[in-house]
Amino acid sequence: MTASHDAPLRIALLSYKGNPFCGGQGVYVRHLSRELARLGHDVRVLGGQPYPVLDHHAVDPSGPGRLAFTEIASLDLYRDPDPFRTPALAEYRGPVDVLETAIMRTGGFPEPLTFSLRARRHLSLHRGRYDVVHDNQTLGYGLLGLDRIGFPLVTTIHHPITVDRQLDLDAAEGTLKKLSVRRWYGFTRMQRRVAARLDSVLTVSESSAREIVDHLDVAPGRVHVVPIGADVELWSPDASVAEVPGRIVTTASANVPLKGLVYLIEALAKVRTERDAHLVVVGKRPEDGPVADAIKRLGLEDAVEFRGGIDDAAFVDLVRSAQVACVPSLYEGFSLPAAEAMATGTPLVATTGGAIPEVAGPDGETCLAVPPGDPGALAAALGKLLDEPELRARIGAAGRARVLERFTWRRAAELTVERYREAIASGIGQHARAGRGWRYV
């Protein structure tokens, strides 16, 4: 039988890389799973290494909703401090492990494929346990045909990874480097093929929806926009946190051209010619590459600080302490850093790359907007906010109001549940469920 419209759902939420320090996918799993459980649903996250951080403490144990986690263990070939390691023979548990190592050793990225195969095996062993499966951008071959074993599938695509691939190719110097980038992103061919066969795709912005249709050949009627947002209880203003003069803060979860950090470094050098300013980057300091080269070339070693692995409270207080937050990305499918900074009331400078304007709002009202890849425009906007306290206060207050109105995780969870129920009501997988004695337990 199928669920009634109001019945609690049993949800399997899949994420091949779930730690929030790995980027937006981990943040998505953490907050969406919590809010789904708070709405009264049973959520089991199936995740690979690095394993997700889940907010079990934020779900009332006496309430109807539950939040649980199951490890879908890989060989963890990219772990710190031993990335691209060679596993011991005793670690191999079957052919998927051999495949994972083989792809890694030939320069590819195996995790979306191998996680999907492992997740399918888990699901096939637990038929009847879940009402719906929600894939968080794995898009692996193993997830095709889940309806045949009784599971309606809903998939979130934050943005097509083909966008990252093209930006990395554009930044690659030399034939060998370009070949290496192409090989690493070989999994995008699989993701394109899988995406085109999906019945229900969620994405986080209108910009991403258009690109999913264009890049991944998904039928427009199968793509649904469900904006995500900030944890507005955590990301909130706090007058007790002292503002640090000249402080600019940004988030860089990965040292890739997409994040535009090198342009912010160049902008900082321009800002510092007329006023005191410094930059704090939430992320790991790169040892080499364009960002490290720019810091050294511009003599900014003492003006740029990197803070990696900080906890939530320290992260929020850092953003609160800044006079300006900045999102310099060339492209974003949504931009959680923008929403989170705005939620604290910290004024934002953001580019117009991808979906960022959908989050940050109109230039001069809820942010100062600049073209992507333009350090001069970044410098001008940063300098303007640093110099004008009244403008900072106005932009900051308007930014928080925008987030409260449009971008909260509870609203994201409510809209996601609507899509779950549509997928279940479509009857996909219903015959298989009935054949397995489908029931609620």
Protein backbone atom coordinates (compact mmCIF):
# COMPACT_ATOMS: atom_id res chain seq x y z
CA MET A 1 0.00 0.00 0.00
CA THR A 2 1.05 3.64 -0.29
CA ALA A 3 1.41 6.24 2.41
CA SER A 4 -1.39 8.65 3.29
CA HIS A 5 -0.68 12.29 2.61
CA ASP A 6 0.08 13.04 6.27
CA ALA A 7 1.76 9.78 7.31
CA PRO A 8 5.37 9.98 8.53
CA LEU A 9 7.82 8.78 5.90
CA ARG A 10 10.79 6.48 6.19
CA ILE A 11 13.55 8.13 4.19
CA ALA A 12 16.94 6.82 3.05
CA LEU A 13 19.16 9.84 2.37
CA LEU A 14 22.28 8.92 0.39
CA SER A 15 25.52 10.93 0.32
CA TYR A 16 28.79 9.52 -0.99
CA LYS A 17 30.77 12.29 0.74
CA GLY A 18 28.93 13.59 3.77
CA ASN A 19 31.26 15.61 5.98
CA PRO A 20 30.27 19.32 6.00
CA PHE A 21 33.95 20.31 5.86
CA CYS A 22 34.03 18.77 2.37
CA GLY A 23 31.65 21.42 1.08
CA GLY A 24 28.00 22.14 0.43
CA GLN A 25 26.86 18.55 -0.09
CA GLY A 26 27.77 17.69 3.51
CA VAL A 27 26.07 20.81 4.82
CA TYR A 28 22.96 19.87 2.86
CA VAL A 29 22.79 16.38 4.36
CA ARG A 30 23.36 17.63 7.88
CA HIS A 31 20.65 20.26 7.93
CA LEU A 32 18.06 18.62 5.70
CA SER A 33 18.19 15.36 7.68
CA ARG A 34 17.70 17.24 10.96
CA GLU A 35 14.72 19.21 9.71
CA LEU A 36 13.09 16.17 8.11
CA ALA A 37 13.33 14.40 11.46
CA ARG A 38 11.94 17.45 13.26
CA LEU A 39 8.95 17.29 10.93
CA GLY A 40 8.26 13.81 12.28
CA HIS A 41 9.85 11.58 9.63
CA ASP A 42 12.27 8.69 10.13
CA VAL A 43 15.52 9.56 8.35
CA ARG A 44 18.43 7.19 7.88
CA VAL A 45 21.50 8.72 6.25
CA LEU A 46 23.57 6.25 4.25
CA GLY A 47 26.98 7.86 3.89
CA GLY A 48 30.53 7.25 2.80
CA GLN A 49 33.80 8.62 4.11
CA PRO A 50 34.44 11.21 5.31
CA TYR A 51 31.31 10.40 7.25
CA PRO A 52 28.63 13.07 7.77
CA VAL A 53 28.15 15.14 10.88
CA LEU A 54 24.51 14.76 11.94
CA ASP A 55 22.59 16.77 14.52
CA HIS A 56 21.17 13.91 16.58
CA HIS A 57 21.07 16.17 19.63
CA ALA A 58 18.71 18.58 17.87
CA VAL A 59 16.00 15.94 17.32
CA ASP A 60 13.64 15.43 20.27
CA PRO A 61 14.02 11.77 21.33
CA SER A 62 10.43 11.77 22.60
CA GLY A 63 9.09 13.09 19.31
CA PRO A 64 7.85 11.08 16.34
CA GLY A 65 10.84 11.73 14.09
CA ARG A 66 14.12 9.83 14.20
CA LEU A 67 17.57 10.42 12.76
CA ALA A 68 19.99 7.53 12.26
CA PHE A 69 23.15 6.76 10.29
CA THR A 70 24.49 3.74 8.43
CA GLU A 71 28.05 3.59 7.18
CA ILE A 72 28.50 2.67 3.53
CA ALA A 73 32.22 2.17 3.88
CA SER A 74 34.64 2.67 1.01
CA LEU A 75 38.40 2.10 1.00
CA ASP A 76 38.71 5.81 1.88
CA LEU A 77 41.45 6.35 -0.67
CA TYR A 78 41.59 10.14 -0.27
CA ARG A 79 41.78 10.38 3.50
CA ASP A 80 44.15 12.68 5.35
CA PRO A 81 47.02 12.36 5.89
CA ASP A 82 47.42 9.58 3.31
CA PRO A 83 45.56 10.49 0.08
CA PHE A 84 45.86 8.23 -2.97
CA ARG A 85 47.05 5.44 -0.71
CA THR A 86 47.54 1.79 -1.65
CA PRO A 87 45.19 -0.41 0.42
CA ALA A 88 46.49 -3.57 2.06
CA LEU A 89 45.21 -6.84 0.59
CA ALA A 90 43.28 -7.54 3.78
CA GLU A 91 41.16 -4.42 3.20
CA TYR A 92 39.56 -5.75 0.03
CA ARG A 93 36.06 -7.11 0.58
CA GLY A 94 34.95 -7.69 -2.98
CA PRO A 95 35.02 -6.58 -6.62
CA VAL A 96 33.73 -3.05 -5.91
CA ASP A 97 36.84 -2.40 -3.80
CA VAL A 98 39.06 -3.61 -6.64
CA LEU A 99 37.20 -1.33 -9.05
CA GLU A 100 37.60 1.63 -6.68
CA THR A 101 41.37 1.20 -6.51
CA ALA A 102 41.70 0.62 -10.25
CA ILE A 103 39.86 3.84 -11.12
CA MET A 104 41.88 5.84 -8.61
CA ARG A 105 45.19 4.39 -9.87
CA THR A 106 44.34 5.38 -13.43
CA GLY A 107 43.67 8.98 -12.46
CA GLY A 108 39.89 8.86 -12.16
CA PHE A 109 37.53 9.63 -9.30
CA PRO A 110 35.66 6.44 -8.36
CA GLU A 111 33.49 7.44 -5.40
CA PRO A 112 30.19 8.30 -7.12
CA LEU A 113 30.16 4.98 -8.98
CA THR A 114 31.42 2.74 -6.20
CA PHE A 115 29.22 4.35 -3.54
CA SER A 116 26.17 3.86 -5.75
CA LEU A 117 26.97 0.17 -6.14
CA ARG A 118 27.43 -0.30 -2.39
CA ALA A 119 24.27 1.69 -1.61
CA ARG A 120 22.27 -0.43 -4.05
CA ARG A 121 23.46 -3.59 -2.32
CA HIS A 122 22.37 -2.19 1.05
CA LEU A 123 18.97 -1.19 -0.30
CA SER A 124 18.42 -4.56 -1.96
CA LEU A 125 19.02 -6.21 1.42
CA HIS A 126 16.51 -3.90 3.13
CA ARG A 127 13.50 -3.94 0.86
CA GLY A 128 10.44 -2.59 2.61
CA ARG A 129 12.45 -0.52 5.10
CA TYR A 130 12.18 2.83 3.30
CA ASP A 131 9.31 4.65 1.62
CA VAL A 132 11.59 6.74 -0.57
CA VAL A 133 15.28 7.02 -1.43
CA HIS A 134 16.81 10.48 -1.74
CA ASP A 135 20.17 10.62 -3.53
CA ASN A 136 22.39 13.63 -2.86
CA GLN A 137 24.14 14.04 -6.25
CA THR A 138 25.77 10.61 -6.42
CA LEU A 139 24.20 9.95 -9.83
CA GLY A 140 25.88 6.56 -10.05
CA TYR A 141 24.84 3.62 -12.19
CA GLY A 142 23.98 1.59 -9.10
CA LEU A 143 20.95 3.82 -8.42
CA LEU A 144 19.24 3.12 -11.74
CA GLY A 145 16.28 0.80 -11.55
CA LEU A 146 15.66 1.16 -7.81
CA ASP A 147 11.95 1.12 -8.61
CA ARG A 148 12.33 -2.54 -9.58
CA ILE A 149 13.26 -3.37 -5.98
CA GLY A 150 10.56 -1.17 -4.47
CA PHE A 151 12.09 2.26 -3.97
CA PRO A 152 10.89 5.53 -5.52
CA LEU A 153 13.96 7.70 -6.11
CA VAL A 154 14.30 11.46 -5.70
CA THR A 155 17.68 12.99 -6.59
CA THR A 156 19.18 16.33 -5.65
CA ILE A 157 21.57 17.87 -8.16
CA HIS A 158 23.07 21.00 -6.66
CA HIS A 159 24.57 21.93 -10.01
CA PRO A 160 26.05 19.96 -12.90
CA ILE A 161 29.66 19.00 -12.11
CA THR A 162 30.35 19.60 -15.80
CA VAL A 163 30.53 23.28 -14.84
CA ASP A 164 33.40 22.58 -12.41
CA ARG A 165 35.05 20.42 -15.07
CA GLN A 166 35.04 23.20 -17.65
CA LEU A 167 36.40 25.79 -15.23
CA ASP A 168 39.20 23.43 -14.19
CA LEU A 169 40.01 22.72 -17.84
CA ASP A 170 40.12 26.44 -18.59
CA ALA A 171 42.59 26.93 -15.73
CA ALA A 172 44.78 23.91 -16.61
CA GLU A 173 48.12 24.70 -18.21
CA GLY A 174 49.61 22.25 -20.68
CA THR A 175 48.35 19.16 -22.47
CA LEU A 176 49.23 16.72 -19.69
CA LYS A 177 47.39 18.77 -17.08
CA LYS A 178 44.31 19.03 -19.29
CA LEU A 179 44.37 15.27 -19.88
CA SER A 180 44.62 14.73 -16.12
CA VAL A 181 41.61 16.98 -15.50
CA ARG A 182 39.58 15.17 -18.17
CA ARG A 183 40.40 11.80 -16.63
CA TRP A 184 39.55 12.95 -13.09
CA TYR A 185 36.15 14.17 -14.25
CA GLY A 186 35.44 11.01 -16.23
CA PHE A 187 32.59 10.24 -13.82
CA THR A 188 30.59 13.15 -15.27
CA ARG A 189 29.76 11.01 -18.32
CA MET A 190 28.10 8.53 -15.99
CA GLN A 191 26.27 11.29 -14.15
CA ARG A 192 24.92 12.71 -17.40
CA ARG A 193 23.59 9.30 -18.47
CA VAL A 194 22.01 8.63 -15.10
CA ALA A 195 20.48 12.09 -14.75
CA ALA A 196 18.72 11.81 -18.12
CA ARG A 197 16.86 8.73 -16.84
CA LEU A 198 15.66 10.17 -13.53
CA ASP A 199 11.98 10.78 -12.86
CA SER A 200 12.33 13.38 -10.09
CA VAL A 201 15.22 15.84 -9.75
CA LEU A 202 15.45 18.50 -7.06
CA THR A 203 17.78 21.45 -7.37
CA VAL A 204 18.47 24.51 -5.31
CA SER A 205 18.01 27.41 -7.74
CA GLU A 206 16.51 28.44 -11.06
CA SER A 207 20.04 28.89 -12.42
CA SER A 208 20.93 25.31 -11.59
CA ALA A 209 17.63 24.06 -13.02
CA ARG A 210 18.42 25.63 -16.39
CA GLU A 211 21.91 24.16 -16.44
CA ILE A 212 20.68 20.69 -15.44
CA VAL A 213 18.36 20.74 -18.44
CA ASP A 214 21.08 22.07 -20.76
CA HIS A 215 24.10 20.07 -19.51
CA LEU A 216 22.51 16.82 -18.36
CA ASP A 217 19.61 16.41 -20.82
CA VAL A 218 17.01 16.16 -18.06
CA ALA A 219 13.47 16.89 -19.21
CA PRO A 220 12.40 20.30 -17.82
CA GLY A 221 9.20 18.89 -16.32
CA ARG A 222 11.23 16.54 -14.13
CA VAL A 223 13.27 19.30 -12.45
CA HIS A 224 11.89 21.01 -9.33
CA VAL A 225 13.49 23.95 -7.53
CA VAL A 226 13.65 23.60 -3.74
CA PRO A 227 15.81 26.41 -2.31
CA ILE A 228 17.94 25.56 0.69
CA GLY A 229 19.19 28.01 3.26
CA ALA A 230 20.79 28.82 6.56
CA ASP A 231 20.31 27.45 10.04
CA VAL A 232 18.91 30.75 11.24
CA GLU A 233 19.04 29.70 14.89
CA LEU A 234 22.81 29.23 14.64
CA TRP A 235 23.58 31.88 12.02
CA SER A 236 22.17 34.93 13.74
CA PRO A 237 23.35 38.37 14.86
CA ASP A 238 25.04 38.70 18.25
CA ALA A 239 25.92 42.20 19.45
CA SER A 240 28.25 40.74 22.09
CA VAL A 241 30.72 39.66 19.40
CA ALA A 242 33.12 42.53 18.80
CA GLU A 243 33.52 43.77 15.24
CA VAL A 244 37.15 43.63 14.10
CA PRO A 245 38.08 46.70 12.03
CA GLY A 246 39.14 45.89 8.50
CA ARG A 247 38.22 42.20 8.71
CA ILE A 248 36.91 40.50 5.58
CA VAL A 249 35.85 36.86 5.81
CA THR A 250 35.26 34.26 3.10
CA THR A 251 34.76 30.51 2.85
CA ALA A 252 36.83 28.28 0.58
CA SER A 253 35.96 24.62 1.08
CA ALA A 254 38.17 23.60 -1.86
CA ASN A 255 41.23 25.06 -3.57
CA VAL A 256 39.68 25.15 -7.04
CA PRO A 257 39.30 27.96 -9.62
CA LEU A 258 35.51 27.81 -9.22
CA LYS A 259 35.72 29.50 -5.80
CA GLY A 260 37.43 32.62 -7.19
CA LEU A 261 39.68 33.03 -4.15
CA VAL A 262 42.63 34.21 -6.21
CA TYR A 263 40.57 37.23 -7.36
CA LEU A 264 39.73 38.09 -3.76
CA ILE A 265 43.43 37.92 -2.86
CA GLU A 266 44.20 40.35 -5.68
CA ALA A 267 41.32 42.58 -4.57
CA LEU A 268 42.65 42.62 -1.01
CA ALA A 269 45.98 43.96 -2.25
CA LYS A 270 44.13 46.85 -3.92
CA VAL A 271 41.99 47.52 -0.82
CA ARG A 272 45.10 47.70 1.37
CA THR A 273 46.62 50.50 -0.69
CA GLU A 274 44.10 52.92 0.86
CA ARG A 275 43.11 51.42 4.22
CA ASP A 276 43.94 48.73 6.75
CA ALA A 277 42.26 45.44 5.90
CA HIS A 278 42.89 41.74 6.31
CA LEU A 279 41.25 38.54 5.10
CA VAL A 280 40.29 35.43 7.05
CA VAL A 281 39.59 32.37 4.89
CA VAL A 282 37.61 29.53 6.43
CA GLY A 283 39.42 26.62 4.83
CA LYS A 284 42.77 24.92 4.53
CA ARG A 285 45.80 26.98 3.48
CA PRO A 286 46.98 25.83 0.02
CA GLU A 287 50.62 24.85 -0.14
CA ASP A 288 50.93 25.72 -3.82
CA GLY A 289 48.85 26.82 -6.80
CA PRO A 290 47.46 30.20 -7.91
CA VAL A 291 46.20 31.28 -4.47
CA ALA A 292 49.48 30.52 -2.70
CA ASP A 293 51.41 32.17 -5.54
CA ALA A 294 49.24 35.31 -5.40
CA ILE A 295 49.66 35.68 -1.62
CA LYS A 296 53.43 35.45 -1.97
CA ARG A 297 53.63 37.65 -5.08
CA LEU A 298 51.55 40.41 -3.48
CA GLY A 299 53.29 40.26 -0.11
CA LEU A 300 50.11 39.35 1.77
CA GLU A 301 51.47 36.59 4.01
CA ASP A 302 50.62 38.60 7.14
CA ALA A 303 47.28 39.86 5.79
CA VAL A 304 45.65 36.54 4.87
CA GLU A 305 44.83 33.98 7.55
CA PHE A 306 43.42 30.50 6.95
CA ARG A 307 41.33 28.71 9.56
CA GLY A 308 40.41 25.13 8.78
CA GLY A 309 38.36 22.62 10.74
CA ILE A 310 36.82 25.11 13.16
CA ASP A 311 33.59 24.19 14.94
CA ASP A 312 30.22 25.79 14.26
CA ALA A 313 30.33 28.26 17.15
CA ALA A 314 33.77 29.54 16.18
CA PHE A 315 32.76 29.75 12.52
CA VAL A 316 29.65 31.82 13.26
CA ASP A 317 31.50 34.14 15.62
CA LEU A 318 34.19 34.65 12.99
CA VAL A 319 31.60 35.79 10.45
CA ARG A 320 29.92 37.99 13.07
CA SER A 321 33.25 39.64 13.84
CA ALA A 322 33.88 40.63 10.22
CA GLN A 323 32.97 44.00 8.82
CA VAL A 324 32.37 42.38 5.42
CA ALA A 325 31.69 38.85 4.19
CA CYS A 326 32.62 37.98 0.63
CA VAL A 327 31.61 35.29 -1.88
CA PRO A 328 34.04 35.69 -4.81
CA SER A 329 33.01 32.50 -6.67
CA LEU A 330 32.99 32.32 -10.44
CA TYR A 331 29.95 30.08 -10.15
CA GLU A 332 27.68 28.64 -7.46
CA GLY A 333 24.65 26.42 -7.77
CA PHE A 334 23.20 28.14 -4.70
CA SER A 335 25.79 29.58 -2.24
CA LEU A 336 25.29 28.54 1.34
CA PRO A 337 28.11 30.84 2.48
CA ALA A 338 26.14 33.81 1.16
CA ALA A 339 22.94 32.79 2.96
CA GLU A 340 24.77 32.02 6.21
CA ALA A 341 26.71 35.29 6.24
CA MET A 342 23.55 37.26 5.49
CA ALA A 343 21.74 35.47 8.31
CA THR A 344 24.26 36.86 10.82
CA GLY A 345 23.58 40.40 9.63
CA THR A 346 27.12 40.73 8.23
CA PRO A 347 27.04 42.79 5.02
CA LEU A 348 27.90 40.81 1.90
CA VAL A 349 29.91 41.44 -1.24
CA ALA A 350 29.13 38.72 -3.79
CA THR A 351 29.69 38.03 -7.45
CA THR A 352 26.90 37.43 -9.93
CA GLY A 353 28.22 33.95 -10.80
CA GLY A 354 25.59 31.27 -11.32
CA ALA A 355 22.79 31.34 -8.75
CA ILE A 356 24.44 33.73 -6.31
CA PRO A 357 22.12 36.65 -7.24
CA GLU A 358 19.09 34.47 -6.44
CA VAL A 359 20.42 34.15 -2.91
CA ALA A 360 22.16 37.47 -2.31
CA GLY A 361 19.44 39.62 -3.84
CA PRO A 362 19.55 43.04 -5.51
CA ASP A 363 22.76 45.03 -5.68
CA GLY A 364 22.71 47.92 -3.23
CA GLU A 365 19.79 46.51 -1.25
CA THR A 366 20.77 43.18 0.33
CA CYS A 367 24.36 42.97 -0.94
CA LEU A 368 26.90 44.68 -3.15
CA ALA A 369 27.12 42.65 -6.37
CA VAL A 370 30.13 42.51 -8.71
CA PRO A 371 30.98 40.56 -11.88
CA PRO A 372 32.84 37.27 -11.32
CA GLY A 373 36.58 37.24 -11.93
CA ASP A 374 36.98 41.02 -11.55
CA PRO A 375 39.38 41.93 -8.70
CA GLY A 376 38.98 45.65 -9.37
CA ALA A 377 35.21 45.52 -8.90
CA LEU A 378 35.66 43.35 -5.80
CA ALA A 379 38.11 45.85 -4.33
CA ALA A 380 35.78 48.78 -4.98
CA ALA A 381 32.82 47.06 -3.30
CA LEU A 382 34.85 45.87 -0.32
CA GLY A 383 36.36 49.32 0.16
CA LYS A 384 32.95 50.97 0.00
CA LEU A 385 31.54 48.78 2.77
CA LEU A 386 34.65 49.10 4.92
CA ASP A 387 34.44 52.88 4.66
CA GLU A 388 30.70 53.35 5.29
CA PRO A 389 29.31 52.06 8.62
CA GLU A 390 25.74 53.14 7.86
CA LEU A 391 25.79 51.24 4.56
CA ARG A 392 27.12 48.15 6.35
CA ALA A 393 24.28 48.31 8.87
CA ARG A 394 21.60 48.75 6.21
CA ILE A 395 22.88 46.00 3.90
CA GLY A 396 23.40 43.63 6.82
CA ALA A 397 19.88 44.07 8.21
CA ALA A 398 18.27 43.71 4.80
CA GLY A 399 20.31 40.57 4.10
CA ARG A 400 19.13 38.83 7.27
CA ALA A 401 15.50 39.76 6.53
CA ARG A 402 15.85 38.21 3.06
CA VAL A 403 17.16 34.92 4.46
CA LEU A 404 14.41 34.70 7.10
CA GLU A 405 11.80 35.22 4.42
CA ARG A 406 13.16 32.89 1.75
CA PHE A 407 15.96 30.56 2.84
CA THR A 408 15.48 28.39 5.91
CA TRP A 409 16.12 24.67 6.28
CA ARG A 410 12.66 24.00 7.69
CA ARG A 411 11.05 25.39 4.56
CA ALA A 412 13.47 23.36 2.43
CA ALA A 413 12.45 20.20 4.31
CA GLU A 414 8.73 20.91 3.90
CA LEU A 415 9.09 21.39 0.15
CA THR A 416 11.27 18.29 -0.14
CA VAL A 417 8.63 16.17 1.59
CA GLU A 418 6.09 17.35 -0.97
CA ARG A 419 8.34 15.93 -3.69
CA TYR A 420 8.77 12.67 -1.80
CA ARG A 421 5.00 12.24 -1.63
CA GLU A 422 4.66 12.98 -5.33
CA ALA A 423 7.27 10.33 -6.13
CA ILE A 424 5.49 7.78 -3.94
CA ALA A 425 2.07 8.66 -5.37
CA SER A 426 3.39 8.18 -8.92
CA GLY A 427 3.39 4.44 -8.26
CA ILE A 428 7.05 3.97 -9.19
CA GLY A 429 8.23 0.88 -7.35
CA GLN A 430 4.74 0.16 -5.99
CA HIS A 431 4.44 -3.24 -7.64
CA ALA A 432 7.78 -4.35 -6.22
CA ARG A 433 6.79 -3.11 -2.75
CA ALA A 434 3.51 -5.00 -2.88
CA GLY A 435 5.32 -8.11 -3.98
CA ARG A 436 7.58 -7.90 -0.94
CA GLY A 437 4.73 -7.57 1.54
CA TRP A 438 5.12 -3.78 1.90
CA ARG A 439 3.94 -2.48 5.24
CA TYR A 440 4.66 0.20 7.83
CA VAL A 441 6.54 -0.91 10.91
